[in-house]
Amino acid sequence: MSTVRTCQERPGATEAPTAPAQQGLWLLHQVRPADASNHICYTVDWPRPVHPAVLAGALGELVARHEALRTIFPETRGEPRQVILPAQPVPLVVADLDPGDGLTVEQWAQAEARQPFDLTGGPLLRASLVRRGERHTLVLSVHHIIFDAWSADVLVDELSALCRARETGTDAGLAPLRAQYADYARCQADRLAGPALDRQRAYWRAKLAAGQGPLPLPADHPRDPRGGQAGATYRFLFPERLRTAIDDLGRRRGATRFMVALAGFQLLLHRWTGREDIAVGTAVTMRDRPEFEGLIGYCLNTLVLRADITGAESFGELIGQVRDTVLDAFDHRDLPFELVVRELAPARSPGVMPLINVVFALSSRGGGRKPGPAADGVVVREVDTGGSRVDLTLGLEEDAEAGELRGALEYDPGLFREATIERLCGGLLRLLEAVAADPNLPVSLLLLPNLTSRTC
């Protein structure tokens, strides 16, 4: 194993505003510094051998181009400061695996992804070139505080262009960035100045003040009082006929696939928990200005979406309720989740996300790199980091090219058995099949035991 360095160091470092969302992740890190739930890791497979010096040089250019990748978060009087370091050589670990020792690239990447980050001193991006026979794989590990799924698209596309330019002696053709993450953070602060902040606060206070907090999920095992959550993922596929039926139902009801699937998931959670008020979180991108589309950084906010199951007689009516809730929440998405929490001051447990313990997300190309071919034929896959911020996260991934809708339910194996999660996912599919066939069925009939097993 060796390390390759490139890029010339420049003197000086600057400070920039810290976004509220970053402050929330920083606080979680203080409580659980070794937890991997906020680590993001990808493997990038090249279709041909890549020289370490080429890759290290391209990484150096990328880090020099994006300030977020060379940012650290030292503490002053209990608060984080965002400090942008000068461009420096990027350490590239080169690891040669012996095909005969049984260690796979995926296993190596998972072990790397779970290594802790030092937010105070950095670096918050780690890169390794893992070679096993003819396979050359770049393993990228990064902390969520400077990165999101959209950033993965930007990083892979630009890194491929920079490597190609170094190999051919040509220009990478990357347009100058119109903004840096510090500009994004300042823009977020400006949006919350004056009356705008008051309107946002009033909306979320009215929506969430009477909420019951995290859902009482029927866990198989008691929660570890020390806090911290492991992570495992159960993957499943929506049958093509169901995917088509969901889309048809959404068009008839003026709703998106996200809204129909969310309504089904919230109804399932009602059946599982017995609670009538079902609140889940969802992440939304805040890149609504053209200059922020090409940024690498943490540009997300978390919205809390509540559904009153008893307020809908049929699933069709529930879709309408969920649709209105989603549209209203998106219209008031500027108030950071961390400020919502501060405003409501709910009871909190160390290292556990406040207000919500279940998250729902739907992604597609442009909101996060899906597994498959990327620029120059490289193949990108996300690595399971073995951590989870909440008890359950249901992610749906649209693959338009393959014509598939995939599901991935991330859960804490310290709380739930895999068999429980499998039955829960099966219950969701059966529930959606039933409502797609007849959305006018009374909600009470959709909750009959024959639709789901005991844990669903």
Protein backbone atom coordinates (compact mmCIF):
# COMPACT_ATOMS: atom_id res chain seq x y z
CA MET A 1 0.00 0.00 0.00
CA SER A 2 1.31 3.44 -0.90
CA THR A 3 0.22 7.07 -0.99
CA VAL A 4 0.40 9.39 -4.01
CA ARG A 5 0.29 13.17 -3.53
CA THR A 6 -0.27 15.96 -6.01
CA CYS A 7 -1.32 19.64 -6.28
CA GLN A 8 0.70 22.54 -4.91
CA GLU A 9 -0.18 24.02 -1.52
CA ARG A 10 -1.38 27.61 -1.44
CA PRO A 11 -1.00 29.76 1.68
CA GLY A 12 -3.93 31.08 3.63
CA ALA A 13 -7.30 29.84 4.82
CA THR A 14 -10.64 31.64 4.97
CA GLU A 15 -13.79 31.38 7.06
CA ALA A 16 -17.31 31.10 5.70
CA PRO A 17 -20.82 30.92 7.17
CA THR A 18 -21.91 27.54 8.50
CA ALA A 19 -25.31 26.49 7.17
CA PRO A 20 -27.87 25.43 9.81
CA ALA A 21 -28.08 21.95 8.27
CA GLN A 22 -24.32 21.59 8.75
CA GLN A 23 -24.66 22.63 12.37
CA GLY A 24 -27.14 19.80 12.92
CA LEU A 25 -24.73 17.23 11.50
CA TRP A 26 -21.89 18.71 13.53
CA LEU A 27 -23.90 18.30 16.74
CA LEU A 28 -24.66 14.67 15.94
CA HIS A 29 -20.95 14.10 15.35
CA GLN A 30 -20.11 15.51 18.78
CA VAL A 31 -22.40 12.94 20.40
CA ARG A 32 -21.36 9.97 18.22
CA PRO A 33 -17.99 10.75 16.58
CA ALA A 34 -17.43 7.13 15.50
CA ASP A 35 -20.91 6.66 14.04
CA ALA A 36 -20.98 6.06 10.28
CA SER A 37 -24.57 7.13 9.66
CA ASN A 38 -23.39 10.42 8.12
CA HIS A 39 -20.65 8.86 6.03
CA ILE A 40 -21.14 8.60 2.26
CA CYS A 41 -19.09 6.19 0.21
CA TYR A 42 -18.97 5.27 -3.48
CA THR A 43 -16.96 2.85 -5.55
CA VAL A 44 -16.03 4.03 -9.03
CA ASP A 45 -14.89 1.25 -11.38
CA TRP A 46 -12.85 2.25 -14.41
CA PRO A 47 -13.25 0.17 -17.59
CA ARG A 48 -9.47 0.19 -17.96
CA PRO A 49 -6.44 0.46 -15.65
CA VAL A 50 -5.89 4.01 -14.41
CA HIS A 51 -2.50 5.33 -13.34
CA PRO A 52 -2.42 6.49 -9.71
CA ALA A 53 -0.66 9.74 -10.61
CA VAL A 54 -3.39 10.58 -13.14
CA LEU A 55 -6.11 9.90 -10.59
CA ALA A 56 -4.35 11.78 -7.79
CA GLY A 57 -3.77 14.77 -10.05
CA ALA A 58 -7.42 14.86 -11.12
CA LEU A 59 -8.53 14.64 -7.50
CA GLY A 60 -6.24 17.51 -6.62
CA GLU A 61 -7.80 19.66 -9.33
CA LEU A 62 -11.27 18.71 -8.17
CA VAL A 63 -10.56 19.66 -4.55
CA ALA A 64 -9.00 22.94 -5.65
CA ARG A 65 -12.11 23.65 -7.74
CA HIS A 66 -14.68 22.92 -4.99
CA GLU A 67 -14.10 24.68 -1.67
CA ALA A 68 -16.45 22.32 0.18
CA LEU A 69 -14.04 19.42 -0.33
CA ARG A 70 -11.31 21.25 1.59
CA THR A 71 -13.44 22.60 4.41
CA ILE A 72 -13.11 21.73 8.11
CA PHE A 73 -15.20 22.62 11.17
CA PRO A 74 -13.20 23.67 14.23
CA GLU A 75 -15.11 24.64 17.36
CA THR A 76 -15.22 28.02 19.05
CA ARG A 77 -17.21 28.44 22.28
CA GLY A 78 -19.32 25.39 21.52
CA GLU A 79 -20.16 26.39 17.95
CA PRO A 80 -18.65 25.11 14.68
CA ARG A 81 -16.79 27.42 12.31
CA GLN A 82 -16.53 26.61 8.62
CA VAL A 83 -12.89 27.06 7.57
CA ILE A 84 -11.86 26.67 3.93
CA LEU A 85 -8.31 25.40 3.64
CA PRO A 86 -5.99 26.24 0.76
CA ALA A 87 -5.68 23.67 -2.02
CA GLN A 88 -3.24 20.98 -0.89
CA PRO A 89 -2.01 17.63 -2.15
CA VAL A 90 -4.74 14.98 -1.97
CA PRO A 91 -3.51 11.75 -0.39
CA LEU A 92 -4.45 8.79 -2.58
CA VAL A 93 -4.06 5.42 -0.89
CA VAL A 94 -3.15 2.67 -3.35
CA ALA A 95 -4.10 -0.81 -2.15
CA ASP A 96 -3.30 -3.99 -4.08
CA LEU A 97 -5.52 -6.91 -3.09
CA ASP A 98 -4.42 -10.47 -3.67
CA PRO A 99 -7.23 -12.31 -5.53
CA GLY A 100 -6.30 -15.41 -3.58
CA ASP A 101 -6.87 -13.97 -0.10
CA GLY A 102 -10.66 -13.83 -0.43
CA LEU A 103 -10.99 -10.11 0.35
CA THR A 104 -13.26 -8.41 -2.19
CA VAL A 105 -13.18 -4.77 -3.24
CA GLU A 106 -16.64 -4.33 -1.72
CA GLN A 107 -15.48 -5.63 1.66
CA TRP A 108 -12.45 -3.37 1.56
CA ALA A 109 -14.67 -0.39 0.70
CA GLN A 110 -17.12 -1.12 3.53
CA ALA A 111 -14.31 -1.24 6.06
CA GLU A 112 -12.94 2.06 4.74
CA ALA A 113 -16.38 3.70 4.74
CA ARG A 114 -16.78 3.04 8.46
CA GLN A 115 -13.56 4.78 9.48
CA PRO A 116 -14.31 7.96 11.49
CA PHE A 117 -13.72 11.49 10.23
CA ASP A 118 -12.09 14.36 12.12
CA LEU A 119 -14.34 17.36 11.48
CA THR A 120 -11.91 19.67 13.26
CA GLY A 121 -8.77 18.85 11.30
CA GLY A 122 -9.97 16.97 8.24
CA PRO A 123 -9.70 15.76 5.63
CA LEU A 124 -13.40 15.11 5.07
CA LEU A 125 -12.74 13.41 1.74
CA ARG A 126 -10.71 10.19 1.55
CA ALA A 127 -9.69 8.51 -1.69
CA SER A 128 -8.26 5.06 -2.31
CA LEU A 129 -7.38 3.22 -5.51
CA VAL A 130 -8.01 -0.47 -4.91
CA ARG A 131 -6.52 -2.86 -7.47
CA ARG A 132 -7.53 -6.52 -7.58
CA GLY A 133 -6.31 -8.25 -10.69
CA GLU A 134 -7.41 -6.19 -13.69
CA ARG A 135 -10.05 -4.36 -11.70
CA HIS A 136 -9.19 -0.75 -10.76
CA THR A 137 -11.66 0.80 -8.30
CA LEU A 138 -11.64 4.25 -6.78
CA VAL A 139 -13.17 4.26 -3.30
CA LEU A 140 -14.38 7.69 -2.20
CA SER A 141 -15.45 8.29 1.39
CA VAL A 142 -16.81 11.69 2.39
CA HIS A 143 -18.66 13.14 5.37
CA HIS A 144 -22.25 14.22 4.75
CA ILE A 145 -21.55 17.68 6.19
CA ILE A 146 -19.85 18.67 2.90
CA PHE A 147 -21.62 16.35 0.46
CA ASP A 148 -24.99 15.03 -0.73
CA ALA A 149 -26.31 12.68 -3.42
CA TRP A 150 -26.46 15.44 -6.03
CA SER A 151 -22.79 16.14 -5.34
CA ALA A 152 -21.97 12.57 -6.34
CA ASP A 153 -23.20 13.27 -9.88
CA VAL A 154 -21.06 16.39 -10.07
CA LEU A 155 -17.98 14.70 -8.63
CA VAL A 156 -18.03 11.64 -10.89
CA ASP A 157 -18.68 13.61 -14.08
CA GLU A 158 -15.97 16.18 -13.37
CA LEU A 159 -13.45 13.62 -12.13
CA SER A 160 -13.91 11.58 -15.31
CA ALA A 161 -13.35 14.68 -17.43
CA LEU A 162 -10.23 15.65 -15.47
CA CYS A 163 -8.75 12.15 -15.74
CA ARG A 164 -9.43 12.03 -19.48
CA ALA A 165 -7.78 15.42 -19.91
CA ARG A 166 -4.65 14.31 -18.07
CA GLU A 167 -4.43 11.08 -20.07
CA THR A 168 -4.84 12.84 -23.44
CA GLY A 169 -3.07 16.10 -22.69
CA THR A 170 -6.20 18.10 -23.50
CA ASP A 171 -8.37 20.54 -21.60
CA ALA A 172 -11.10 19.10 -19.38
CA GLY A 173 -13.58 21.67 -20.65
CA LEU A 174 -15.09 22.41 -17.25
CA ALA A 175 -16.78 25.79 -17.08
CA PRO A 176 -15.72 28.01 -14.16
CA LEU A 177 -17.98 27.65 -11.14
CA ARG A 178 -20.42 30.51 -10.73
CA ALA A 179 -20.60 30.06 -6.95
CA GLN A 180 -19.05 28.19 -4.04
CA TYR A 181 -20.73 26.58 -1.03
CA ALA A 182 -20.09 29.70 1.04
CA ASP A 183 -22.30 31.61 -1.41
CA TYR A 184 -25.01 29.01 -0.95
CA ALA A 185 -24.81 29.35 2.86
CA ARG A 186 -25.07 33.14 2.61
CA CYS A 187 -28.06 32.83 0.27
CA GLN A 188 -29.81 30.57 2.77
CA ALA A 189 -29.22 33.14 5.52
CA ASP A 190 -30.58 35.96 3.33
CA ARG A 191 -33.77 34.02 2.65
CA LEU A 192 -34.51 33.88 6.36
CA ALA A 193 -34.05 37.58 7.01
CA GLY A 194 -36.99 39.63 8.30
CA PRO A 195 -40.65 38.75 7.63
CA ALA A 196 -39.75 35.67 5.58
CA LEU A 197 -38.42 33.94 8.68
CA ASP A 198 -41.54 34.84 10.66
CA ARG A 199 -43.85 33.38 8.00
CA GLN A 200 -41.85 30.16 7.82
CA ARG A 201 -41.78 29.79 11.58
CA ALA A 202 -45.51 30.39 11.87
CA TYR A 203 -46.27 27.75 9.25
CA TRP A 204 -44.18 24.99 10.83
CA ARG A 205 -45.27 25.87 14.35
CA ALA A 206 -48.90 25.45 13.28
CA LYS A 207 -48.15 22.21 11.43
CA LEU A 208 -46.00 20.47 14.01
CA ALA A 209 -46.60 21.98 17.45
CA ALA A 210 -49.36 19.46 18.23
CA GLY A 211 -47.39 16.54 16.81
CA GLN A 212 -46.78 13.40 18.83
CA GLY A 213 -43.11 13.04 17.96
CA PRO A 214 -41.36 9.92 16.67
CA LEU A 215 -43.55 6.92 15.81
CA PRO A 216 -43.85 4.05 18.32
CA LEU A 217 -42.48 1.39 15.99
CA PRO A 218 -42.98 -2.18 17.31
CA ALA A 219 -39.31 -3.12 17.58
CA ASP A 220 -38.12 -6.71 17.93
CA HIS A 221 -35.36 -5.71 20.36
CA PRO A 222 -35.04 -2.96 22.99
CA ARG A 223 -33.20 0.19 22.01
CA ASP A 224 -29.64 0.56 23.23
CA PRO A 225 -29.80 3.31 25.89
CA ARG A 226 -26.28 4.40 24.95
CA GLY A 227 -27.59 5.67 21.59
CA GLY A 228 -26.09 5.07 18.19
CA GLN A 229 -27.67 3.10 15.38
CA ALA A 230 -26.26 0.42 13.12
CA GLY A 231 -27.57 0.15 9.58
CA ALA A 232 -28.65 -2.63 7.26
CA THR A 233 -30.64 -2.49 4.02
CA TYR A 234 -33.36 -4.73 2.61
CA ARG A 235 -33.81 -4.30 -1.17
CA PHE A 236 -36.85 -5.16 -3.25
CA LEU A 237 -38.32 -4.48 -6.69
CA PHE A 238 -41.73 -3.10 -7.60
CA PRO A 239 -43.42 -5.32 -10.22
CA GLU A 240 -43.79 -3.52 -13.54
CA ARG A 241 -47.59 -3.73 -13.42
CA LEU A 242 -47.61 -2.12 -9.97
CA ARG A 243 -45.28 0.67 -11.03
CA THR A 244 -47.56 1.41 -13.99
CA ALA A 245 -50.66 1.24 -11.81
CA ILE A 246 -49.19 3.68 -9.28
CA ASP A 247 -48.40 6.15 -12.05
CA ASP A 248 -51.88 5.80 -13.56
CA LEU A 249 -53.48 6.35 -10.16
CA GLY A 250 -51.35 9.42 -9.60
CA ARG A 251 -52.35 10.93 -12.94
CA ARG A 252 -56.05 10.40 -12.16
CA ARG A 253 -55.65 12.04 -8.77
CA GLY A 254 -53.34 14.87 -9.81
CA ALA A 255 -50.49 13.44 -7.76
CA THR A 256 -46.92 12.37 -8.42
CA ARG A 257 -45.44 8.92 -7.90
CA PHE A 258 -43.78 10.29 -4.74
CA MET A 259 -47.16 11.35 -3.32
CA VAL A 260 -48.95 8.08 -4.06
CA ALA A 261 -46.12 5.95 -2.63
CA LEU A 262 -45.85 8.20 0.43
CA ALA A 263 -49.59 7.88 1.08
CA GLY A 264 -49.27 4.10 0.91
CA PHE A 265 -46.25 4.10 3.23
CA GLN A 266 -47.96 6.34 5.79
CA LEU A 267 -51.06 4.14 5.72
CA LEU A 268 -48.87 1.09 6.29
CA LEU A 269 -47.17 2.81 9.24
CA HIS A 270 -50.61 3.55 10.68
CA ARG A 271 -51.51 -0.13 10.43
CA TRP A 272 -48.19 -1.12 12.02
CA THR A 273 -48.12 1.35 14.90
CA GLY A 274 -51.80 2.01 15.56
CA ARG A 275 -51.13 5.76 15.52
CA GLU A 276 -53.51 7.93 13.49
CA ASP A 277 -51.14 10.90 13.14
CA ILE A 278 -48.24 9.69 10.98
CA ALA A 279 -45.22 11.99 10.51
CA VAL A 280 -42.23 11.08 8.34
CA GLY A 281 -39.30 13.11 7.11
CA THR A 282 -38.08 13.65 3.59
CA ALA A 283 -34.98 15.35 2.23
CA VAL A 284 -35.34 18.07 -0.42
CA THR A 285 -32.62 19.69 -2.46
CA MET A 286 -32.23 23.45 -2.09
CA ARG A 287 -30.43 23.97 -5.41
CA ASP A 288 -33.14 26.14 -6.92
CA ARG A 289 -30.73 28.66 -8.45
CA PRO A 290 -28.69 27.87 -11.59
CA GLU A 291 -25.39 28.80 -9.98
CA PHE A 292 -25.87 26.12 -7.31
CA GLU A 293 -26.49 23.22 -9.70
CA GLY A 294 -22.79 22.54 -10.25
CA LEU A 295 -21.76 22.79 -6.59
CA ILE A 296 -20.40 20.04 -4.41
CA GLY A 297 -21.75 20.52 -0.91
CA TYR A 298 -24.52 19.73 1.54
CA CYS A 299 -27.52 21.48 -0.05
CA LEU A 300 -30.42 19.65 1.56
CA ASN A 301 -33.21 20.35 4.00
CA THR A 302 -35.44 17.91 5.88
CA LEU A 303 -39.21 18.43 5.79
CA VAL A 304 -41.68 16.78 8.17
CA LEU A 305 -44.79 15.47 6.38
CA ARG A 306 -47.81 14.63 8.56
CA ALA A 307 -50.88 12.63 7.56
CA ASP A 308 -54.09 12.24 9.54
CA ILE A 309 -55.23 8.79 8.49
CA THR A 310 -58.66 9.19 10.11
CA GLY A 311 -59.23 12.32 8.04
CA ALA A 312 -59.61 10.28 4.83
CA GLU A 313 -62.44 7.84 4.15
CA SER A 314 -60.75 6.30 1.10
CA PHE A 315 -57.21 5.98 -0.16
CA GLY A 316 -58.09 8.39 -2.95
CA GLU A 317 -58.91 11.01 -0.32
CA LEU A 318 -55.68 10.21 1.51
CA ILE A 319 -53.73 10.87 -1.70
CA GLY A 320 -55.38 14.29 -1.91
CA GLN A 321 -54.45 15.06 1.69
CA VAL A 322 -50.86 13.94 1.17
CA ARG A 323 -50.61 15.91 -2.08
CA ASP A 324 -51.71 19.13 -0.37
CA THR A 325 -49.35 18.50 2.54
CA VAL A 326 -46.37 17.92 0.25
CA LEU A 327 -47.07 21.00 -1.87
CA ASP A 328 -47.50 23.21 1.20
CA ALA A 329 -44.33 21.85 2.80
CA PHE A 330 -42.32 22.46 -0.36
CA ASP A 331 -43.64 26.03 -0.46
CA HIS A 332 -42.22 26.49 3.06
CA ARG A 333 -39.01 24.54 2.65
CA ASP A 334 -36.66 27.45 3.32
CA LEU A 335 -36.72 27.15 7.12
CA PRO A 336 -33.94 24.69 8.00
CA PHE A 337 -35.00 21.61 9.93
CA GLU A 338 -32.58 22.56 12.70
CA LEU A 339 -34.42 25.86 13.23
CA VAL A 340 -37.76 24.04 13.24
CA VAL A 341 -36.42 21.80 16.01
CA ARG A 342 -35.14 24.82 17.91
CA GLU A 343 -38.53 26.51 17.56
CA LEU A 344 -40.52 23.50 18.82
CA ALA A 345 -37.95 22.34 21.42
CA PRO A 346 -39.13 18.72 21.50
CA ALA A 347 -37.82 16.17 23.98
CA ARG A 348 -34.57 14.73 22.66
CA SER A 349 -32.46 11.64 23.16
CA PRO A 350 -28.68 11.72 22.72
CA GLY A 351 -27.63 10.94 19.17
CA VAL A 352 -31.23 10.40 17.96
CA MET A 353 -32.83 12.61 15.31
CA PRO A 354 -35.60 14.78 16.87
CA LEU A 355 -39.25 14.91 15.70
CA ILE A 356 -39.00 11.98 13.26
CA ASN A 357 -37.65 8.45 13.29
CA VAL A 358 -38.84 7.42 9.82
CA VAL A 359 -37.74 8.91 6.49
CA PHE A 360 -39.17 8.50 2.98
CA ALA A 361 -37.28 9.42 -0.20
CA LEU A 362 -37.60 8.99 -3.95
CA SER A 363 -34.58 9.58 -6.17
CA SER A 364 -33.79 9.54 -9.86
CA ARG A 365 -31.01 10.63 -12.18
CA GLY A 366 -30.23 14.26 -11.37
CA GLY A 367 -31.00 13.86 -7.66
CA GLY A 368 -28.27 11.34 -6.98
CA ARG A 369 -26.20 8.95 -9.10
CA LYS A 370 -27.95 5.63 -9.62
CA PRO A 371 -25.84 2.47 -9.93
CA GLY A 372 -24.76 1.91 -13.50
CA PRO A 373 -22.59 3.43 -16.22
CA ALA A 374 -21.49 7.02 -15.85
CA ALA A 375 -19.20 9.24 -17.91
CA ASP A 376 -16.44 7.45 -19.87
CA GLY A 377 -17.91 4.05 -19.03
CA VAL A 378 -17.11 4.13 -15.32
CA VAL A 379 -19.57 2.32 -13.06
CA VAL A 380 -20.63 3.95 -9.80
CA ARG A 381 -22.10 2.13 -6.81
CA GLU A 382 -22.99 3.37 -3.36
CA VAL A 383 -21.40 1.50 -0.45
CA ASP A 384 -23.33 0.49 2.66
CA THR A 385 -21.64 2.39 5.51
CA GLY A 386 -23.30 0.33 8.23
CA GLY A 387 -24.94 3.32 9.92
CA SER A 388 -28.43 4.80 10.06
CA ARG A 389 -29.58 8.21 11.33
CA VAL A 390 -33.17 7.06 11.94
CA ASP A 391 -34.97 3.81 12.70
CA LEU A 392 -36.33 3.33 9.17
CA THR A 393 -35.59 4.94 5.82
CA LEU A 394 -37.59 3.86 2.79
CA GLY A 395 -35.85 4.89 -0.41
CA LEU A 396 -37.42 4.43 -3.85
CA GLU A 397 -35.15 4.72 -6.84
CA GLU A 398 -36.43 5.38 -10.36
CA ASP A 399 -34.38 3.87 -13.14
CA ALA A 400 -35.92 5.22 -16.34
CA GLU A 401 -33.34 3.52 -18.52
CA ALA A 402 -34.15 0.07 -17.13
CA GLY A 403 -37.82 0.89 -16.62
CA GLU A 404 -37.64 -0.16 -12.97
CA LEU A 405 -38.72 1.16 -9.60
CA ARG A 406 -36.52 -0.23 -6.83
CA GLY A 407 -37.07 -0.09 -3.11
CA ALA A 408 -34.50 -0.09 -0.30
CA LEU A 409 -35.58 -0.09 3.34
CA GLU A 410 -32.69 0.89 5.59
CA TYR A 411 -33.18 -0.17 9.19
CA ASP A 412 -31.39 -0.63 12.48
CA PRO A 413 -30.70 -4.36 12.97
CA GLY A 414 -30.32 -3.64 16.66
CA LEU A 415 -34.06 -2.92 16.68
CA PHE A 416 -35.55 -5.08 13.92
CA ARG A 417 -35.04 -8.57 12.55
CA GLU A 418 -34.64 -8.90 8.80
CA ALA A 419 -37.78 -11.08 8.70
CA THR A 420 -39.79 -8.18 10.15
CA ILE A 421 -38.46 -5.78 7.53
CA GLU A 422 -39.14 -8.29 4.75
CA ARG A 423 -42.78 -8.64 5.85
CA LEU A 424 -43.09 -4.86 6.09
CA CYS A 425 -41.92 -4.42 2.50
CA GLY A 426 -44.22 -7.19 1.32
CA GLY A 427 -47.10 -5.52 3.10
CA LEU A 428 -46.36 -2.24 1.33
CA LEU A 429 -46.46 -3.91 -2.08
CA ARG A 430 -49.73 -5.70 -1.34
CA LEU A 431 -51.28 -2.53 0.04
CA LEU A 432 -50.33 -0.52 -3.05
CA GLU A 433 -51.65 -3.26 -5.32
CA ALA A 434 -55.00 -3.11 -3.52
CA VAL A 435 -55.39 0.67 -3.67
CA ALA A 436 -54.22 0.84 -7.27
CA ALA A 437 -56.98 -1.62 -8.19
CA ASP A 438 -59.66 0.39 -6.34
CA PRO A 439 -58.64 3.69 -4.70
CA ASN A 440 -62.24 4.28 -3.60
CA LEU A 441 -62.24 1.42 -1.13
CA PRO A 442 -62.85 2.66 2.41
CA VAL A 443 -59.64 2.98 4.40
CA SER A 444 -61.04 0.59 7.02
CA LEU A 445 -61.24 -2.20 4.44
CA LEU A 446 -57.68 -1.60 3.34
CA LEU A 447 -56.57 -2.30 6.90
CA LEU A 448 -57.96 -5.83 7.06
CA PRO A 449 -55.44 -8.38 8.42
CA ASN A 450 -55.36 -10.32 5.15
CA LEU A 451 -53.55 -7.43 3.49
CA THR A 452 -50.54 -7.56 5.81
CA SER A 453 -48.94 -9.87 8.31
CA ARG A 454 -48.71 -9.14 12.03
CA THR A 455 -45.64 -6.91 11.70
CA CYS A 456 -47.05 -4.98 8.75
